[in-house]
Amino acid sequence: METIEDLKRRIGSTEDLQSVVKTMKAMAAVKIHQYEQAVESLQDYARTIELGLRAVLRDRPEVMVGARSSGGNRIGSVVFGSDQGMCGQLNDQVVSHALEKIEGESGGDAHRILAVGQRAAARLEEAGRHIEGTLSTPGSIQGVVPKVQDLLQRIQIWNQEGAADQVFLYHSRPLSGARYEPRTVHLLPVDRTWLSEVRKKRWPTRALPLFTMDWDPLFSSLIRQYLFVSLFQAFAESLASENASRLASMQGAEKNIREQLDDLIMKYHQRRQMSITEELLDIISGFEALDTAV
């Protein structure tokens, strides 16, 4: 049977663990809010890019995009996971989703794969996939931009080497509460149907835009910004989903710790009461022995 001192130590350790879990819950909640705000702020930026594309495409009879045909079988995939644990089934779900889509796109052949997050990379390798490279996940919203630039460079290398006719992104997207779902984004080649629809949209005001820059470099610059927004959104949504999953895990852990702590406190009070009762019985027995001797 555990002594009172043993129970005190266990209660202290459990309370310390409870404090750590509460801190991790608070940090996850704050990060979710930051990443969701970042995604929302991208909407205005994305709209500005779309307006720019609408302006440069307005007088073009056809949309000509400098990208390979989407009919090629050379596929490049970027799978977004996590570096840290305690985020539930996030990595398992997004990797399973990515592998299913990879098999469907090209039968799994001629595939180049980049992983974002060591845990996603490990699961891909466990599934028998060769990982061309692994990027660490940013620790804050300020670290997203350098990672996006790094990823853009790697995708550009694929393009220069002719290694990928198409590029897909696989990441998690947050839903309401602590829920999330895997998502597929067809990054390259840029959807010509979408560009055609952008070109046909009416300008929102009567003041039609003009530009003096050469058309080709201006269009290329806008497409690069479009790719930047798409990658930034993938990072931000993946990080928000990771922290939402971690928040749910910490809520479950906090519930278990609270139940365990209540059980330990109850045992401590029972053991303490038993100890007090035993001491009183010893005192009474001693008193009765003395009284009998007298």
C-alpha atoms as a PDB file:
ATOM      1  CA  MET A   1       0.000   0.000   0.000  1.00  0.00           C
ATOM      2  CA  GLU A   2       1.228   3.479  -0.880  1.00  0.00           C
ATOM      3  CA  THR A   3       2.235   5.697   2.002  1.00  0.00           C
ATOM      4  CA  ILE A   4       0.987   9.239   2.495  1.00  0.00           C
ATOM      5  CA  GLU A   5       4.364  10.569   1.338  1.00  0.00           C
ATOM      6  CA  ASP A   6       4.186   8.467  -1.853  1.00  0.00           C
ATOM      7  CA  LEU A   7       0.733   9.847  -2.621  1.00  0.00           C
ATOM      8  CA  LYS A   8       1.934  13.430  -1.951  1.00  0.00           C
ATOM      9  CA  ARG A   9       4.761  12.967  -4.474  1.00  0.00           C
ATOM     10  CA  ARG A  10       2.397  11.511  -7.074  1.00  0.00           C
ATOM     11  CA  ILE A  11      -0.083  14.363  -6.563  1.00  0.00           C
ATOM     12  CA  GLY A  12       2.725  16.911  -6.961  1.00  0.00           C
ATOM     13  CA  SER A  13       3.986  15.274 -10.176  1.00  0.00           C
ATOM     14  CA  THR A  14       0.460  15.079 -11.598  1.00  0.00           C
ATOM     15  CA  GLU A  15      -0.179  18.752 -10.810  1.00  0.00           C
ATOM     16  CA  ASP A  16       3.084  19.688 -12.572  1.00  0.00           C
ATOM     17  CA  LEU A  17       1.991  17.689 -15.627  1.00  0.00           C
ATOM     18  CA  GLN A  18      -1.402  19.362 -15.521  1.00  0.00           C
ATOM     19  CA  SER A  19       0.296  22.762 -15.549  1.00  0.00           C
ATOM     20  CA  VAL A  20       2.379  21.790 -18.606  1.00  0.00           C
ATOM     21  CA  VAL A  21      -0.707  20.567 -20.470  1.00  0.00           C
ATOM     22  CA  LYS A  22      -2.585  23.800 -19.680  1.00  0.00           C
ATOM     23  CA  THR A  23       0.351  25.823 -21.007  1.00  0.00           C
ATOM     24  CA  MET A  24       0.469  23.764 -24.213  1.00  0.00           C
ATOM     25  CA  LYS A  25      -3.294  24.211 -24.622  1.00  0.00           C
ATOM     26  CA  ALA A  26      -2.966  27.981 -24.302  1.00  0.00           C
ATOM     27  CA  MET A  27      -0.062  28.106 -26.759  1.00  0.00           C
ATOM     28  CA  ALA A  28      -1.932  25.958 -29.300  1.00  0.00           C
ATOM     29  CA  ALA A  29      -5.023  28.175 -29.045  1.00  0.00           C
ATOM     30  CA  VAL A  30      -2.953  31.342 -29.575  1.00  0.00           C
ATOM     31  CA  LYS A  31      -1.156  29.845 -32.589  1.00  0.00           C
ATOM     32  CA  ILE A  32      -4.408  28.681 -34.162  1.00  0.00           C
ATOM     33  CA  HIS A  33      -5.698  32.251 -33.971  1.00  0.00           C
ATOM     34  CA  GLN A  34      -2.481  33.646 -35.476  1.00  0.00           C
ATOM     35  CA  TYR A  35      -2.456  31.242 -38.423  1.00  0.00           C
ATOM     36  CA  GLU A  36      -6.165  31.697 -39.096  1.00  0.00           C
ATOM     37  CA  GLN A  37      -5.662  35.469 -39.110  1.00  0.00           C
ATOM     38  CA  ALA A  38      -2.795  35.027 -41.575  1.00  0.00           C
ATOM     39  CA  VAL A  39      -5.026  32.999 -43.907  1.00  0.00           C
ATOM     40  CA  GLU A  40      -7.747  35.655 -43.685  1.00  0.00           C
ATOM     41  CA  SER A  41      -5.274  38.436 -44.422  1.00  0.00           C
ATOM     42  CA  LEU A  42      -4.225  36.589 -47.589  1.00  0.00           C
ATOM     43  CA  GLN A  43      -7.685  37.038 -49.053  1.00  0.00           C
ATOM     44  CA  ASP A  44      -7.145  40.751 -49.766  1.00  0.00           C
ATOM     45  CA  TYR A  45      -3.682  40.047 -51.186  1.00  0.00           C
ATOM     46  CA  ALA A  46      -5.044  37.252 -53.387  1.00  0.00           C
ATOM     47  CA  ARG A  47      -7.814  39.566 -54.608  1.00  0.00           C
ATOM     48  CA  THR A  48      -5.220  42.190 -55.519  1.00  0.00           C
ATOM     49  CA  ILE A  49      -3.269  39.622 -57.541  1.00  0.00           C
ATOM     50  CA  GLU A  50      -6.455  38.512 -59.285  1.00  0.00           C
ATOM     51  CA  LEU A  51      -7.230  42.135 -60.175  1.00  0.00           C
ATOM     52  CA  GLY A  52      -3.725  42.459 -61.604  1.00  0.00           C
ATOM     53  CA  LEU A  53      -4.226  39.336 -63.713  1.00  0.00           C
ATOM     54  CA  ARG A  54      -7.612  40.635 -64.831  1.00  0.00           C
ATOM     55  CA  ALA A  55      -5.944  43.843 -65.968  1.00  0.00           C
ATOM     56  CA  VAL A  56      -3.116  42.208 -67.946  1.00  0.00           C
ATOM     57  CA  LEU A  57      -5.369  39.540 -69.492  1.00  0.00           C
ATOM     58  CA  ARG A  58      -8.220  41.891 -70.426  1.00  0.00           C
ATOM     59  CA  ASP A  59      -7.054  42.547 -73.987  1.00  0.00           C
ATOM     60  CA  ARG A  60      -5.626  39.097 -74.631  1.00  0.00           C
ATOM     61  CA  PRO A  61      -7.753  36.904 -76.904  1.00  0.00           C
ATOM     62  CA  GLU A  62      -6.158  33.740 -75.518  1.00  0.00           C
ATOM     63  CA  VAL A  63      -4.509  32.871 -72.217  1.00  0.00           C
ATOM     64  CA  MET A  64      -1.015  31.571 -72.848  1.00  0.00           C
ATOM     65  CA  VAL A  65       0.671  30.213 -69.733  1.00  0.00           C
ATOM     66  CA  GLY A  66       4.348  29.322 -69.739  1.00  0.00           C
ATOM     67  CA  ALA A  67       3.866  25.877 -68.223  1.00  0.00           C
ATOM     68  CA  ARG A  68       3.921  22.326 -69.442  1.00  0.00           C
ATOM     69  CA  SER A  69       0.763  20.564 -70.448  1.00  0.00           C
ATOM     70  CA  SER A  70      -1.075  18.956 -67.576  1.00  0.00           C
ATOM     71  CA  GLY A  71      -1.175  15.691 -69.487  1.00  0.00           C
ATOM     72  CA  GLY A  72       2.374  14.686 -68.502  1.00  0.00           C
ATOM     73  CA  ASN A  73       2.933  11.827 -66.091  1.00  0.00           C
ATOM     74  CA  ARG A  74       5.877  13.349 -64.236  1.00  0.00           C
ATOM     75  CA  ILE A  75       4.380  14.431 -60.937  1.00  0.00           C
ATOM     76  CA  GLY A  76       5.859  16.488 -58.133  1.00  0.00           C
ATOM     77  CA  SER A  77       4.185  16.369 -54.731  1.00  0.00           C
ATOM     78  CA  VAL A  78       4.659  18.381 -51.551  1.00  0.00           C
ATOM     79  CA  VAL A  79       3.208  16.760 -48.415  1.00  0.00           C
ATOM     80  CA  PHE A  80       2.732  19.015 -45.384  1.00  0.00           C
ATOM     81  CA  GLY A  81       2.928  17.401 -41.935  1.00  0.00           C
ATOM     82  CA  SER A  82       4.560  18.280 -38.618  1.00  0.00           C
ATOM     83  CA  ASP A  83       7.944  18.146 -36.906  1.00  0.00           C
ATOM     84  CA  GLN A  84       6.504  17.815 -33.408  1.00  0.00           C
ATOM     85  CA  GLY A  85       4.295  15.131 -31.962  1.00  0.00           C
ATOM     86  CA  MET A  86       1.172  15.253 -29.795  1.00  0.00           C
ATOM     87  CA  CYS A  87      -0.981  16.293 -32.758  1.00  0.00           C
ATOM     88  CA  GLY A  88      -3.243  13.274 -33.024  1.00  0.00           C
ATOM     89  CA  GLN A  89      -3.712  11.584 -36.384  1.00  0.00           C
ATOM     90  CA  LEU A  90      -2.792  14.641 -38.476  1.00  0.00           C
ATOM     91  CA  ASN A  91       0.319  13.145 -40.109  1.00  0.00           C
ATOM     92  CA  ASP A  92      -1.292   9.758 -40.686  1.00  0.00           C
ATOM     93  CA  GLN A  93      -4.338  11.313 -42.320  1.00  0.00           C
ATOM     94  CA  VAL A  94      -2.537  13.715 -44.651  1.00  0.00           C
ATOM     95  CA  VAL A  95       0.035  11.102 -45.714  1.00  0.00           C
ATOM     96  CA  SER A  96      -2.687   8.507 -46.394  1.00  0.00           C
ATOM     97  CA  HIS A  97      -4.590  11.104 -48.426  1.00  0.00           C
ATOM     98  CA  ALA A  98      -1.438  12.035 -50.377  1.00  0.00           C
ATOM     99  CA  LEU A  99      -0.507   8.412 -51.130  1.00  0.00           C
ATOM    100  CA  GLU A 100      -4.022   7.665 -52.365  1.00  0.00           C
ATOM    101  CA  LYS A 101      -3.915  10.669 -54.712  1.00  0.00           C
ATOM    102  CA  ILE A 102      -0.368   9.881 -55.880  1.00  0.00           C
ATOM    103  CA  GLU A 103      -1.399   6.374 -56.861  1.00  0.00           C
ATOM    104  CA  GLY A 104      -4.412   7.772 -58.683  1.00  0.00           C
ATOM    105  CA  GLU A 105      -2.495  10.459 -60.593  1.00  0.00           C
ATOM    106  CA  SER A 106       0.350   8.443 -62.070  1.00  0.00           C
ATOM    107  CA  GLY A 107       0.222   4.977 -60.618  1.00  0.00           C
ATOM    108  CA  GLY A 108       2.968   6.110 -58.248  1.00  0.00           C
ATOM    109  CA  ASP A 109       5.617   6.148 -60.986  1.00  0.00           C
ATOM    110  CA  ALA A 110       7.910   9.006 -62.019  1.00  0.00           C
ATOM    111  CA  HIS A 111       7.113  10.815 -58.823  1.00  0.00           C
ATOM    112  CA  ARG A 112       9.163  13.443 -56.971  1.00  0.00           C
ATOM    113  CA  ILE A 113       8.153  13.981 -53.344  1.00  0.00           C
ATOM    114  CA  LEU A 114       9.072  16.709 -50.892  1.00  0.00           C
ATOM    115  CA  ALA A 115       7.961  16.458 -47.259  1.00  0.00           C
ATOM    116  CA  VAL A 116       7.351  19.355 -44.905  1.00  0.00           C
ATOM    117  CA  GLY A 117       7.905  18.021 -41.395  1.00  0.00           C
ATOM    118  CA  GLN A 118      10.012  15.121 -40.152  1.00  0.00           C
ATOM    119  CA  ARG A 119       7.012  13.091 -39.015  1.00  0.00           C
ATOM    120  CA  ALA A 120       5.332  13.271 -42.413  1.00  0.00           C
ATOM    121  CA  ALA A 121       8.630  12.246 -44.034  1.00  0.00           C
ATOM    122  CA  ALA A 122       8.963   9.256 -41.693  1.00  0.00           C
ATOM    123  CA  ARG A 123       5.472   8.024 -42.549  1.00  0.00           C
ATOM    124  CA  LEU A 124       6.110   8.389 -46.280  1.00  0.00           C
ATOM    125  CA  GLU A 125       9.318   6.380 -45.962  1.00  0.00           C
ATOM    126  CA  GLU A 126       7.501   3.735 -43.908  1.00  0.00           C
ATOM    127  CA  ALA A 127       5.100   3.447 -46.857  1.00  0.00           C
ATOM    128  CA  GLY A 128       8.057   2.731 -49.151  1.00  0.00           C
ATOM    129  CA  ARG A 129       8.261   6.177 -50.782  1.00  0.00           C
ATOM    130  CA  HIS A 130      11.551   7.856 -51.626  1.00  0.00           C
ATOM    131  CA  ILE A 131      11.712  11.382 -50.218  1.00  0.00           C
ATOM    132  CA  GLU A 132      13.723  13.810 -52.317  1.00  0.00           C
ATOM    133  CA  GLY A 133      13.996  16.317 -49.498  1.00  0.00           C
ATOM    134  CA  THR A 134      12.504  17.418 -46.191  1.00  0.00           C
ATOM    135  CA  LEU A 135      11.744  20.928 -44.996  1.00  0.00           C
ATOM    136  CA  SER A 136      11.258  21.754 -41.339  1.00  0.00           C
ATOM    137  CA  THR A 137       7.995  23.397 -40.353  1.00  0.00           C
ATOM    138  CA  PRO A 138       8.170  27.068 -39.296  1.00  0.00           C
ATOM    139  CA  GLY A 139       7.804  27.716 -35.595  1.00  0.00           C
ATOM    140  CA  SER A 140       5.846  30.950 -36.021  1.00  0.00           C
ATOM    141  CA  ILE A 141       3.998  32.960 -38.641  1.00  0.00           C
ATOM    142  CA  GLN A 142       7.164  35.036 -39.189  1.00  0.00           C
ATOM    143  CA  GLY A 143       8.993  31.897 -40.290  1.00  0.00           C
ATOM    144  CA  VAL A 144       6.519  31.000 -43.045  1.00  0.00           C
ATOM    145  CA  VAL A 145       7.837  33.389 -45.721  1.00  0.00           C
ATOM    146  CA  PRO A 146      11.421  31.974 -45.772  1.00  0.00           C
ATOM    147  CA  LYS A 147       9.987  28.440 -46.019  1.00  0.00           C
ATOM    148  CA  VAL A 148       7.741  29.490 -48.904  1.00  0.00           C
ATOM    149  CA  GLN A 149      10.730  30.981 -50.723  1.00  0.00           C
ATOM    150  CA  ASP A 150      12.748  27.803 -50.139  1.00  0.00           C
ATOM    151  CA  LEU A 151       9.922  25.662 -51.469  1.00  0.00           C
ATOM    152  CA  LEU A 152       9.494  27.905 -54.525  1.00  0.00           C
ATOM    153  CA  GLN A 153      13.181  27.441 -55.331  1.00  0.00           C
ATOM    154  CA  ARG A 154      12.866  23.669 -55.150  1.00  0.00           C
ATOM    155  CA  ILE A 155       9.811  23.688 -57.394  1.00  0.00           C
ATOM    156  CA  GLN A 156      11.685  25.942 -59.836  1.00  0.00           C
ATOM    157  CA  ILE A 157      14.518  23.387 -59.935  1.00  0.00           C
ATOM    158  CA  TRP A 158      11.956  20.691 -60.830  1.00  0.00           C
ATOM    159  CA  ASN A 159      10.726  22.961 -63.617  1.00  0.00           C
ATOM    160  CA  GLN A 160      14.223  23.665 -64.944  1.00  0.00           C
ATOM    161  CA  GLU A 161      15.160  19.989 -64.891  1.00  0.00           C
ATOM    162  CA  GLY A 162      11.905  18.969 -66.558  1.00  0.00           C
ATOM    163  CA  ALA A 163      11.277  16.682 -63.600  1.00  0.00           C
ATOM    164  CA  ALA A 164       7.626  17.528 -63.001  1.00  0.00           C
ATOM    165  CA  ASP A 165       4.834  18.229 -65.471  1.00  0.00           C
ATOM    166  CA  GLN A 166       2.453  18.819 -62.588  1.00  0.00           C
ATOM    167  CA  VAL A 167       2.901  19.877 -58.963  1.00  0.00           C
ATOM    168  CA  PHE A 168       0.401  19.009 -56.229  1.00  0.00           C
ATOM    169  CA  LEU A 169       0.196  20.163 -52.622  1.00  0.00           C
ATOM    170  CA  TYR A 170      -1.258  17.920 -49.914  1.00  0.00           C
ATOM    171  CA  HIS A 171      -1.979  19.554 -46.584  1.00  0.00           C
ATOM    172  CA  SER A 172      -4.559  19.763 -43.814  1.00  0.00           C
ATOM    173  CA  ARG A 173      -7.175  22.492 -43.728  1.00  0.00           C
ATOM    174  CA  PRO A 174      -8.809  23.549 -40.432  1.00  0.00           C
ATOM    175  CA  LEU A 175     -12.572  23.311 -40.045  1.00  0.00           C
ATOM    176  CA  SER A 176     -14.697  24.549 -37.163  1.00  0.00           C
ATOM    177  CA  GLY A 177     -13.458  23.901 -33.648  1.00  0.00           C
ATOM    178  CA  ALA A 178     -10.566  21.460 -33.430  1.00  0.00           C
ATOM    179  CA  ARG A 179     -11.490  19.597 -36.633  1.00  0.00           C
ATOM    180  CA  TYR A 180      -9.526  19.522 -39.880  1.00  0.00           C
ATOM    181  CA  GLU A 181      -9.470  17.650 -43.180  1.00  0.00           C
ATOM    182  CA  PRO A 182      -6.811  16.804 -45.813  1.00  0.00           C
ATOM    183  CA  ARG A 183      -6.820  18.933 -48.947  1.00  0.00           C
ATOM    184  CA  THR A 184      -5.302  18.677 -52.433  1.00  0.00           C
ATOM    185  CA  VAL A 185      -4.139  21.764 -54.365  1.00  0.00           C
ATOM    186  CA  HIS A 186      -3.152  21.505 -58.036  1.00  0.00           C
ATOM    187  CA  LEU A 187      -0.423  24.148 -58.005  1.00  0.00           C
ATOM    188  CA  LEU A 188       1.122  23.782 -61.473  1.00  0.00           C
ATOM    189  CA  PRO A 189       0.460  24.161 -64.311  1.00  0.00           C
ATOM    190  CA  VAL A 190      -1.772  27.127 -63.551  1.00  0.00           C
ATOM    191  CA  ASP A 191      -5.380  26.329 -64.379  1.00  0.00           C
ATOM    192  CA  ARG A 192      -6.033  27.926 -67.786  1.00  0.00           C
ATOM    193  CA  THR A 193      -9.785  27.672 -67.268  1.00  0.00           C
ATOM    194  CA  TRP A 194      -9.451  29.758 -64.121  1.00  0.00           C
ATOM    195  CA  LEU A 195      -7.306  32.322 -65.949  1.00  0.00           C
ATOM    196  CA  SER A 196      -9.865  32.478 -68.744  1.00  0.00           C
ATOM    197  CA  GLU A 197     -12.617  33.116 -66.205  1.00  0.00           C
ATOM    198  CA  VAL A 198     -10.502  35.833 -64.590  1.00  0.00           C
ATOM    199  CA  ARG A 199      -9.998  37.497 -67.977  1.00  0.00           C
ATOM    200  CA  LYS A 200     -13.756  37.554 -68.672  1.00  0.00           C
ATOM    201  CA  LYS A 201     -14.707  39.230 -65.397  1.00  0.00           C
ATOM    202  CA  ARG A 202     -15.799  42.856 -65.580  1.00  0.00           C
ATOM    203  CA  TRP A 203     -13.582  45.465 -63.959  1.00  0.00           C
ATOM    204  CA  PRO A 204     -15.191  46.637 -60.682  1.00  0.00           C
ATOM    205  CA  THR A 205     -15.017  50.370 -61.546  1.00  0.00           C
ATOM    206  CA  ARG A 206     -15.329  52.586 -64.636  1.00  0.00           C
ATOM    207  CA  ALA A 207     -11.643  53.574 -64.425  1.00  0.00           C
ATOM    208  CA  LEU A 208      -9.974  50.868 -66.510  1.00  0.00           C
ATOM    209  CA  PRO A 209      -6.386  50.024 -65.499  1.00  0.00           C
ATOM    210  CA  LEU A 210      -3.345  50.740 -67.646  1.00  0.00           C
ATOM    211  CA  PHE A 211       0.212  49.448 -67.374  1.00  0.00           C
ATOM    212  CA  THR A 212       3.452  50.460 -69.069  1.00  0.00           C
ATOM    213  CA  MET A 213       5.573  47.435 -68.153  1.00  0.00           C
ATOM    214  CA  ASP A 214       6.196  44.763 -70.798  1.00  0.00           C
ATOM    215  CA  TRP A 215       3.429  42.162 -70.737  1.00  0.00           C
ATOM    216  CA  ASP A 216       5.529  38.976 -70.338  1.00  0.00           C
ATOM    217  CA  PRO A 217       7.555  39.970 -67.246  1.00  0.00           C
ATOM    218  CA  LEU A 218       4.455  41.538 -65.646  1.00  0.00           C
ATOM    219  CA  PHE A 219       2.359  38.417 -66.210  1.00  0.00           C
ATOM    220  CA  SER A 220       5.192  36.178 -64.929  1.00  0.00           C
ATOM    221  CA  SER A 221       5.535  38.324 -61.815  1.00  0.00           C
ATOM    222  CA  LEU A 222       1.815  38.063 -61.070  1.00  0.00           C
ATOM    223  CA  ILE A 223       1.904  34.285 -61.526  1.00  0.00           C
ATOM    224  CA  ARG A 224       4.832  34.058 -59.086  1.00  0.00           C
ATOM    225  CA  GLN A 225       2.809  36.038 -56.567  1.00  0.00           C
ATOM    226  CA  TYR A 226      -0.123  33.689 -57.133  1.00  0.00           C
ATOM    227  CA  LEU A 227       2.156  30.717 -56.399  1.00  0.00           C
ATOM    228  CA  PHE A 228       3.510  32.496 -53.315  1.00  0.00           C
ATOM    229  CA  VAL A 229      -0.023  33.015 -51.963  1.00  0.00           C
ATOM    230  CA  SER A 230      -0.951  29.373 -52.633  1.00  0.00           C
ATOM    231  CA  LEU A 231       2.116  28.052 -50.792  1.00  0.00           C
ATOM    232  CA  PHE A 232       1.738  30.507 -47.908  1.00  0.00           C
ATOM    233  CA  GLN A 233      -1.878  29.434 -47.495  1.00  0.00           C
ATOM    234  CA  ALA A 234      -0.859  25.750 -47.511  1.00  0.00           C
ATOM    235  CA  PHE A 235       1.719  26.380 -44.761  1.00  0.00           C
ATOM    236  CA  ALA A 236      -0.648  28.498 -42.645  1.00  0.00           C
ATOM    237  CA  GLU A 237      -3.590  26.101 -42.937  1.00  0.00           C
ATOM    238  CA  SER A 238      -1.374  23.100 -42.185  1.00  0.00           C
ATOM    239  CA  LEU A 239       0.054  24.789 -39.083  1.00  0.00           C
ATOM    240  CA  ALA A 240      -3.414  25.842 -37.922  1.00  0.00           C
ATOM    241  CA  SER A 241      -4.611  22.237 -38.348  1.00  0.00           C
ATOM    242  CA  GLU A 242      -1.576  20.919 -36.455  1.00  0.00           C
ATOM    243  CA  ASN A 243      -2.290  23.175 -33.501  1.00  0.00           C
ATOM    244  CA  ALA A 244      -6.021  22.413 -33.637  1.00  0.00           C
ATOM    245  CA  SER A 245      -5.186  18.706 -33.439  1.00  0.00           C
ATOM    246  CA  ARG A 246      -2.717  19.361 -30.618  1.00  0.00           C
ATOM    247  CA  LEU A 247      -5.352  21.394 -28.759  1.00  0.00           C
ATOM    248  CA  ALA A 248      -7.788  18.475 -29.013  1.00  0.00           C
ATOM    249  CA  SER A 249      -5.101  16.063 -27.782  1.00  0.00           C
ATOM    250  CA  MET A 250      -4.259  18.336 -24.858  1.00  0.00           C
ATOM    251  CA  GLN A 251      -7.942  18.634 -23.940  1.00  0.00           C
ATOM    252  CA  GLY A 252      -8.170  14.845 -23.793  1.00  0.00           C
ATOM    253  CA  ALA A 253      -4.946  14.651 -21.776  1.00  0.00           C
ATOM    254  CA  GLU A 254      -6.162  17.342 -19.380  1.00  0.00           C
ATOM    255  CA  LYS A 255      -9.378  15.404 -18.757  1.00  0.00           C
ATOM    256  CA  ASN A 256      -7.431  12.212 -18.011  1.00  0.00           C
ATOM    257  CA  ILE A 257      -5.015  14.058 -15.728  1.00  0.00           C
ATOM    258  CA  ARG A 258      -7.891  15.712 -13.851  1.00  0.00           C
ATOM    259  CA  GLU A 259      -9.545  12.336 -13.280  1.00  0.00           C
ATOM    260  CA  GLN A 260      -6.253  10.821 -12.147  1.00  0.00           C
ATOM    261  CA  LEU A 261      -5.611  13.773  -9.827  1.00  0.00           C
ATOM    262  CA  ASP A 262      -9.084  13.475  -8.285  1.00  0.00           C
ATOM    263  CA  ASP A 263      -8.456   9.764  -7.708  1.00  0.00           C
ATOM    264  CA  LEU A 264      -5.072  10.425  -6.080  1.00  0.00           C
ATOM    265  CA  ILE A 265      -6.494  13.155  -3.835  1.00  0.00           C
ATOM    266  CA  MET A 266      -9.311  10.827  -2.761  1.00  0.00           C
ATOM    267  CA  LYS A 267      -6.771   8.078  -1.984  1.00  0.00           C
ATOM    268  CA  TYR A 268      -4.625  10.585  -0.076  1.00  0.00           C
ATOM    269  CA  HIS A 269      -7.542  11.693   2.095  1.00  0.00           C
ATOM    270  CA  GLN A 270      -8.566   8.068   2.710  1.00  0.00           C
ATOM    271  CA  ARG A 271      -5.021   7.089   3.623  1.00  0.00           C
ATOM    272  CA  ARG A 272      -4.636  10.130   5.866  1.00  0.00           C
ATOM    273  CA  GLN A 273      -7.932   9.367   7.621  1.00  0.00           C
ATOM    274  CA  MET A 274      -6.845   5.752   8.121  1.00  0.00           C
ATOM    275  CA  SER A 275      -3.558   6.970   9.580  1.00  0.00           C
ATOM    276  CA  ILE A 276      -5.351   9.332  11.954  1.00  0.00           C
ATOM    277  CA  THR A 277      -7.762   6.570  12.975  1.00  0.00           C
ATOM    278  CA  GLU A 278      -4.865   4.178  13.642  1.00  0.00           C
ATOM    279  CA  GLU A 279      -3.107   6.797  15.765  1.00  0.00           C
ATOM    280  CA  LEU A 280      -6.281   7.417  17.792  1.00  0.00           C
ATOM    281  CA  LEU A 281      -6.754   3.681  18.329  1.00  0.00           C
ATOM    282  CA  ASP A 282      -3.153   3.395  19.498  1.00  0.00           C
ATOM    283  CA  ILE A 283      -3.706   6.262  21.954  1.00  0.00           C
ATOM    284  CA  ILE A 284      -6.937   4.723  23.261  1.00  0.00           C
ATOM    285  CA  SER A 285      -5.298   1.275  23.576  1.00  0.00           C
ATOM    286  CA  GLY A 286      -2.365   2.808  25.453  1.00  0.00           C
ATOM    287  CA  PHE A 287      -4.667   4.751  27.743  1.00  0.00           C
ATOM    288  CA  GLU A 288      -6.735   1.624  28.508  1.00  0.00           C
ATOM    289  CA  ALA A 289      -3.551  -0.376  29.215  1.00  0.00           C
ATOM    290  CA  LEU A 290      -2.339   2.293  31.656  1.00  0.00           C
ATOM    291  CA  ASP A 291      -5.753   2.501  33.306  1.00  0.00           C
ATOM    292  CA  THR A 292      -5.855  -1.286  33.763  1.00  0.00           C
ATOM    293  CA  ALA A 293      -2.348  -1.314  35.255  1.00  0.00           C
ATOM    294  CA  VAL A 294      -3.327   1.369  37.759  1.00  0.00           C
END
